[in-house]
């Protein structure tokens, strides 16, 4: 993942988590909704990173326990 895309996911995730913390005073349901969106955004960032690595062929081998 290039630096710009990584920065986008980091900043947008932190902004959503911060917004969720601020919204706790206003509405617990709204804060929970924004937190769910933040969690999905973080997961989307990890999924995008893996997808880009797979396209580039840089996937490390899976370890078997």
PDB file of N, CA and C in Angstrom:
ATOM      1  N   UNK A   1       0.864  -1.173   0.000  1.00  0.00           N
ATOM      2  CA  UNK A   1       0.000   0.000   0.000  1.00  0.00           C
ATOM      3  C   UNK A   1       0.906   1.230   0.000  1.00  0.00           C
ATOM      4  N   UNK A   2       0.590   2.165  -0.872  1.00  0.00           N
ATOM      5  CA  UNK A   2       1.421   3.363  -0.921  1.00  0.00           C
ATOM      6  C   UNK A   2       1.152   4.254   0.305  1.00  0.00           C
ATOM      7  N   UNK A   3       2.039   5.187   0.513  1.00  0.00           N
ATOM      8  CA  UNK A   3       1.971   6.013   1.727  1.00  0.00           C
ATOM      9  C   UNK A   3       0.726   6.889   1.778  1.00  0.00           C
ATOM     10  N   UNK A   4       0.314   7.390   0.638  1.00  0.00           N
ATOM     11  CA  UNK A   4      -0.874   8.246   0.604  1.00  0.00           C
ATOM     12  C   UNK A   4      -2.133   7.501   1.008  1.00  0.00           C
ATOM     13  N   UNK A   5      -2.289   6.286   0.501  1.00  0.00           N
ATOM     14  CA  UNK A   5      -3.459   5.486   0.842  1.00  0.00           C
ATOM     15  C   UNK A   5      -3.430   5.062   2.314  1.00  0.00           C
ATOM     16  N   UNK A   6      -2.252   4.700   2.791  1.00  0.00           N
ATOM     17  CA  UNK A   6      -2.114   4.333   4.205  1.00  0.00           C
ATOM     18  C   UNK A   6      -2.433   5.529   5.102  1.00  0.00           C
ATOM     19  N   UNK A   7      -1.967   6.697   4.703  1.00  0.00           N
ATOM     20  CA  UNK A   7      -2.256   7.911   5.471  1.00  0.00           C
ATOM     21  C   UNK A   7      -3.754   8.201   5.472  1.00  0.00           C
ATOM     22  N   UNK A   8      -4.419   8.011   4.333  1.00  0.00           N
ATOM     23  CA  UNK A   8      -5.856   8.236   4.240  1.00  0.00           C
ATOM     24  C   UNK A   8      -6.608   7.342   5.227  1.00  0.00           C
ATOM     25  N   UNK A   9      -6.282   6.040   5.237  1.00  0.00           N
ATOM     26  CA  UNK A   9      -6.975   5.129   6.145  1.00  0.00           C
ATOM     27  C   UNK A   9      -6.669   5.464   7.608  1.00  0.00           C
ATOM     28  N   UNK A  10      -5.439   5.848   7.913  1.00  0.00           N
ATOM     29  CA  UNK A  10      -5.085   6.182   9.295  1.00  0.00           C
ATOM     30  C   UNK A  10      -5.824   7.444   9.760  1.00  0.00           C
ATOM     31  N   UNK A  11      -5.810   8.480   8.949  1.00  0.00           N
ATOM     32  CA  UNK A  11      -6.435   9.752   9.341  1.00  0.00           C
ATOM     33  C   UNK A  11      -7.956   9.614   9.397  1.00  0.00           C
ATOM     34  N   UNK A  12      -8.543   8.947   8.403  1.00  0.00           N
ATOM     35  CA  UNK A  12     -10.004   8.811   8.398  1.00  0.00           C
ATOM     36  C   UNK A  12     -10.478   7.934   9.558  1.00  0.00           C
ATOM     37  N   UNK A  13      -9.722   6.903   9.893  1.00  0.00           N
ATOM     38  CA  UNK A  13     -10.106   6.056  11.018  1.00  0.00           C
ATOM     39  C   UNK A  13     -10.012   6.812  12.340  1.00  0.00           C
ATOM     40  N   UNK A  14      -8.939   7.572  12.513  1.00  0.00           N
ATOM     41  CA  UNK A  14      -8.793   8.352  13.741  1.00  0.00           C
ATOM     42  C   UNK A  14      -9.867   9.433  13.843  1.00  0.00           C
ATOM     43  N   UNK A  15     -10.218  10.040  12.728  1.00  0.00           N
ATOM     44  CA  UNK A  15     -11.267  11.056  12.743  1.00  0.00           C
ATOM     45  C   UNK A  15     -12.612  10.440  13.132  1.00  0.00           C
ATOM     46  N   UNK A  16     -12.901   9.252  12.606  1.00  0.00           N
ATOM     47  CA  UNK A  16     -14.167   8.591  12.943  1.00  0.00           C
ATOM     48  C   UNK A  16     -14.208   8.161  14.410  1.00  0.00           C
ATOM     49  N   UNK A  17     -13.106   7.636  14.919  1.00  0.00           N
ATOM     50  CA  UNK A  17     -13.070   7.230  16.334  1.00  0.00           C
ATOM     51  C   UNK A  17     -13.193   8.460  17.236  1.00  0.00           C
ATOM     52  N   UNK A  18     -12.527   9.549  16.870  1.00  0.00           N
ATOM     53  CA  UNK A  18     -12.628  10.788  17.651  1.00  0.00           C
ATOM     54  C   UNK A  18     -14.052  11.333  17.619  1.00  0.00           C
ATOM     55  N   UNK A  19     -14.669  11.317  16.439  1.00  0.00           N
ATOM     56  CA  UNK A  19     -16.057  11.760  16.322  1.00  0.00           C
ATOM     57  C   UNK A  19     -16.980  10.899  17.176  1.00  0.00           C
ATOM     58  N   UNK A  20     -16.716   9.609  17.203  1.00  0.00           N
ATOM     59  CA  UNK A  20     -17.512   8.708  18.035  1.00  0.00           C
ATOM     60  C   UNK A  20     -17.382   9.068  19.516  1.00  0.00           C
ATOM     61  N   UNK A  21     -16.172   9.387  19.939  1.00  0.00           N
ATOM     62  CA  UNK A  21     -15.961   9.770  21.342  1.00  0.00           C
ATOM     63  C   UNK A  21     -16.676  11.076  21.670  1.00  0.00           C
ATOM     64  N   UNK A  22     -16.664  12.012  20.746  1.00  0.00           N
ATOM     65  CA  UNK A  22     -17.335  13.291  20.975  1.00  0.00           C
ATOM     66  C   UNK A  22     -18.851  13.098  21.025  1.00  0.00           C
ATOM     67  N   UNK A  23     -19.375  12.208  20.173  1.00  0.00           N
ATOM     68  CA  UNK A  23     -20.817  12.008  20.084  1.00  0.00           C
ATOM     69  C   UNK A  23     -21.405  11.242  21.269  1.00  0.00           C
ATOM     70  N   UNK A  24     -20.568  10.696  22.128  1.00  0.00           N
ATOM     71  CA  UNK A  24     -21.080   9.973  23.301  1.00  0.00           C
ATOM     72  C   UNK A  24     -21.952  10.904  24.150  1.00  0.00           C
ATOM     73  N   UNK A  25     -21.573  12.174  24.237  1.00  0.00           N
ATOM     74  CA  UNK A  25     -22.369  13.131  25.015  1.00  0.00           C
ATOM     75  C   UNK A  25     -23.721  13.423  24.381  1.00  0.00           C
ATOM     76  N   UNK A  26     -23.787  13.356  23.070  1.00  0.00           N
ATOM     77  CA  UNK A  26     -25.024  13.691  22.366  1.00  0.00           C
ATOM     78  C   UNK A  26     -25.990  12.516  22.313  1.00  0.00           C
ATOM     79  N   UNK A  27     -25.523  11.411  21.757  1.00  0.00           N
ATOM     80  CA  UNK A  27     -26.393  10.264  21.555  1.00  0.00           C
ATOM     81  C   UNK A  27     -25.559   8.998  21.531  1.00  0.00           C
ATOM     82  N   UNK A  28     -25.894   8.069  22.403  1.00  0.00           N
ATOM     83  CA  UNK A  28     -25.145   6.816  22.463  1.00  0.00           C
ATOM     84  C   UNK A  28     -25.333   6.015  21.177  1.00  0.00           C
ATOM     85  N   UNK A  29     -26.530   6.056  20.594  1.00  0.00           N
ATOM     86  CA  UNK A  29     -26.789   5.306  19.365  1.00  0.00           C
ATOM     87  C   UNK A  29     -26.000   5.881  18.195  1.00  0.00           C
ATOM     88  N   UNK A  30     -25.935   7.187  18.110  1.00  0.00           N
ATOM     89  CA  UNK A  30     -25.176   7.827  17.049  1.00  0.00           C
ATOM     90  C   UNK A  30     -23.680   7.534  17.216  1.00  0.00           C
ATOM     91  N   UNK A  31     -23.207   7.585  18.449  1.00  0.00           N
ATOM     92  CA  UNK A  31     -21.804   7.270  18.720  1.00  0.00           C
ATOM     93  C   UNK A  31     -21.494   5.824  18.352  1.00  0.00           C
ATOM     94  N   UNK A  32     -22.401   4.923  18.668  1.00  0.00           N
ATOM     95  CA  UNK A  32     -22.207   3.512  18.328  1.00  0.00           C
ATOM     96  C   UNK A  32     -22.193   3.320  16.813  1.00  0.00           C
ATOM     97  N   UNK A  33     -23.074   4.005  16.118  1.00  0.00           N
ATOM     98  CA  UNK A  33     -23.107   3.919  14.658  1.00  0.00           C
ATOM     99  C   UNK A  33     -21.815   4.393  14.023  1.00  0.00           C
ATOM    100  N   UNK A  34     -21.301   5.516  14.497  1.00  0.00           N
ATOM    101  CA  UNK A  34     -20.048   6.043  13.961  1.00  0.00           C
ATOM    102  C   UNK A  34     -18.894   5.111  14.309  1.00  0.00           C
ATOM    103  N   UNK A  35     -18.929   4.498  15.486  1.00  0.00           N
ATOM    104  CA  UNK A  35     -17.880   3.566  15.872  1.00  0.00           C
ATOM    105  C   UNK A  35     -17.897   2.323  14.985  1.00  0.00           C
ATOM    106  N   UNK A  36     -19.079   1.857  14.633  1.00  0.00           N
ATOM    107  CA  UNK A  36     -19.187   0.709  13.717  1.00  0.00           C
ATOM    108  C   UNK A  36     -18.606   1.082  12.354  1.00  0.00           C
ATOM    109  N   UNK A  37     -18.913   2.274  11.875  1.00  0.00           N
ATOM    110  CA  UNK A  37     -18.351   2.736  10.603  1.00  0.00           C
ATOM    111  C   UNK A  37     -16.825   2.836  10.699  1.00  0.00           C
ATOM    112  N   UNK A  38     -16.310   3.298  11.829  1.00  0.00           N
ATOM    113  CA  UNK A  38     -14.861   3.387  12.024  1.00  0.00           C
ATOM    114  C   UNK A  38     -14.225   1.999  11.985  1.00  0.00           C
ATOM    115  N   UNK A  39     -14.874   1.035  12.631  1.00  0.00           N
ATOM    116  CA  UNK A  39     -14.361  -0.327  12.644  1.00  0.00           C
ATOM    117  C   UNK A  39     -14.357  -0.916  11.231  1.00  0.00           C
ATOM    118  N   UNK A  40     -15.414  -0.669  10.485  1.00  0.00           N
ATOM    119  CA  UNK A  40     -15.476  -1.137   9.099  1.00  0.00           C
ATOM    120  C   UNK A  40     -14.400  -0.463   8.247  1.00  0.00           C
ATOM    121  N   UNK A  41     -14.136   0.813   8.499  1.00  0.00           N
ATOM    122  CA  UNK A  41     -13.099   1.537   7.768  1.00  0.00           C
ATOM    123  C   UNK A  41     -11.720   0.940   8.049  1.00  0.00           C
ATOM    124  N   UNK A  42     -11.452   0.593   9.289  1.00  0.00           N
ATOM    125  CA  UNK A  42     -10.177  -0.028   9.650  1.00  0.00           C
ATOM    126  C   UNK A  42     -10.044  -1.381   8.957  1.00  0.00           C
ATOM    127  N   UNK A  43     -11.109  -2.166   8.987  1.00  0.00           N
ATOM    128  CA  UNK A  43     -11.093  -3.468   8.319  1.00  0.00           C
ATOM    129  C   UNK A  43     -10.907  -3.331   6.823  1.00  0.00           C
ATOM    130  N   UNK A  44     -11.549  -2.319   6.225  1.00  0.00           N
ATOM    131  CA  UNK A  44     -11.408  -2.070   4.794  1.00  0.00           C
ATOM    132  C   UNK A  44      -9.959  -1.712   4.454  1.00  0.00           C
ATOM    133  N   UNK A  45      -9.294  -0.996   5.356  1.00  0.00           N
ATOM    134  CA  UNK A  45      -7.884  -0.660   5.150  1.00  0.00           C
ATOM    135  C   UNK A  45      -7.011  -1.898   5.131  1.00  0.00           C
ATOM    136  N   UNK A  46      -7.239  -2.817   6.067  1.00  0.00           N
ATOM    137  CA  UNK A  46      -6.469  -4.059   6.096  1.00  0.00           C
ATOM    138  C   UNK A  46      -6.766  -4.917   4.870  1.00  0.00           C
ATOM    139  N   UNK A  47      -8.026  -4.995   4.473  1.00  0.00           N
ATOM    140  CA  UNK A  47      -8.400  -5.783   3.294  1.00  0.00           C
ATOM    141  C   UNK A  47      -7.773  -5.199   2.029  1.00  0.00           C
ATOM    142  N   UNK A  48      -7.749  -3.881   1.935  1.00  0.00           N
ATOM    143  CA  UNK A  48      -7.129  -3.234   0.780  1.00  0.00           C
ATOM    144  C   UNK A  48      -5.634  -3.515   0.745  1.00  0.00           C
ATOM    145  N   UNK A  49      -5.001  -3.486   1.894  1.00  0.00           N
ATOM    146  CA  UNK A  49      -3.565  -3.773   1.963  1.00  0.00           C
ATOM    147  C   UNK A  49      -3.273  -5.187   1.479  1.00  0.00           C
ATOM    148  N   UNK A  50      -4.058  -6.156   1.923  1.00  0.00           N
ATOM    149  CA  UNK A  50      -3.859  -7.545   1.509  1.00  0.00           C
ATOM    150  C   UNK A  50      -4.114  -7.708   0.016  1.00  0.00           C
ATOM    151  N   UNK A  51      -5.175  -7.075  -0.488  1.00  0.00           N
ATOM    152  CA  UNK A  51      -5.499  -7.170  -1.910  1.00  0.00           C
ATOM    153  C   UNK A  51      -4.367  -6.603  -2.764  1.00  0.00           C
ATOM    154  N   UNK A  52      -3.792  -5.485  -2.358  1.00  0.00           N
ATOM    155  CA  UNK A  52      -2.688  -4.883  -3.104  1.00  0.00           C
ATOM    156  C   UNK A  52      -1.463  -5.790  -3.043  1.00  0.00           C
ATOM    157  N   UNK A  53      -1.191  -6.391  -1.880  1.00  0.00           N
ATOM    158  CA  UNK A  53      -0.059  -7.304  -1.755  1.00  0.00           C
ATOM    159  C   UNK A  53      -0.243  -8.536  -2.623  1.00  0.00           C
ATOM    160  N   UNK A  54      -1.462  -9.067  -2.702  1.00  0.00           N
ATOM    161  CA  UNK A  54      -1.711 -10.240  -3.534  1.00  0.00           C
ATOM    162  C   UNK A  54      -1.510  -9.926  -5.004  1.00  0.00           C
ATOM    163  N   UNK A  55      -1.967  -8.751  -5.441  1.00  0.00           N
ATOM    164  CA  UNK A  55      -1.776  -8.359  -6.842  1.00  0.00           C
ATOM    165  C   UNK A  55      -0.296  -8.219  -7.171  1.00  0.00           C
ATOM    166  N   UNK A  56       0.490  -7.711  -6.208  1.00  0.00           N
ATOM    167  CA  UNK A  56       1.923  -7.514  -6.434  1.00  0.00           C
ATOM    168  C   UNK A  56       2.712  -8.807  -6.246  1.00  0.00           C
ATOM    169  N   UNK A  57       2.082  -9.837  -5.691  1.00  0.00           N
ATOM    170  CA  UNK A  57       2.775 -11.099  -5.463  1.00  0.00           C
ATOM    171  C   UNK A  57       3.649 -11.102  -4.233  1.00  0.00           C
ATOM    172  N   UNK A  58       3.389 -10.219  -3.289  1.00  0.00           N
ATOM    173  CA  UNK A  58       4.206 -10.101  -2.081  1.00  0.00           C
ATOM    174  C   UNK A  58       3.534 -10.706  -0.869  1.00  0.00           C
ATOM    175  N   UNK A  59       2.814 -11.788  -1.040  1.00  0.00           N
ATOM    176  CA  UNK A  59       2.088 -12.390   0.080  1.00  0.00           C
ATOM    177  C   UNK A  59       3.015 -13.363   0.807  1.00  0.00           C
ATOM    178  N   UNK A  60       3.229 -13.162   2.095  1.00  0.00           N
ATOM    179  CA  UNK A  60       4.070 -14.111   2.836  1.00  0.00           C
ATOM    180  C   UNK A  60       3.356 -15.452   2.965  1.00  0.00           C
ATOM    181  N   UNK A  61       4.097 -16.549   3.049  1.00  0.00           N
ATOM    182  CA  UNK A  61       3.445 -17.857   3.183  1.00  0.00           C
ATOM    183  C   UNK A  61       2.724 -17.983   4.516  1.00  0.00           C
ATOM    184  N   UNK A  62       1.606 -18.715   4.502  1.00  0.00           N
ATOM    185  CA  UNK A  62       0.848 -18.926   5.724  1.00  0.00           C
ATOM    186  C   UNK A  62       1.572 -19.924   6.616  1.00  0.00           C
ATOM    187  N   UNK A  63       1.615 -19.633   7.898  1.00  0.00           N
ATOM    188  CA  UNK A  63       2.254 -20.563   8.824  1.00  0.00           C
ATOM    189  C   UNK A  63       1.230 -21.567   9.306  1.00  0.00           C
ATOM    190  N   UNK A  64       1.635 -22.822   9.381  1.00  0.00           N
ATOM    191  CA  UNK A  64       0.761 -23.891   9.832  1.00  0.00           C
ATOM    192  C   UNK A  64       1.212 -24.284  11.228  1.00  0.00           C
ATOM    193  N   UNK A  65       0.253 -24.254  12.156  1.00  0.00           N
ATOM    194  CA  UNK A  65       0.599 -24.598  13.541  1.00  0.00           C
ATOM    195  C   UNK A  65       0.273 -26.015  13.829  1.00  0.00           C
TER     196      UNK A  65
END
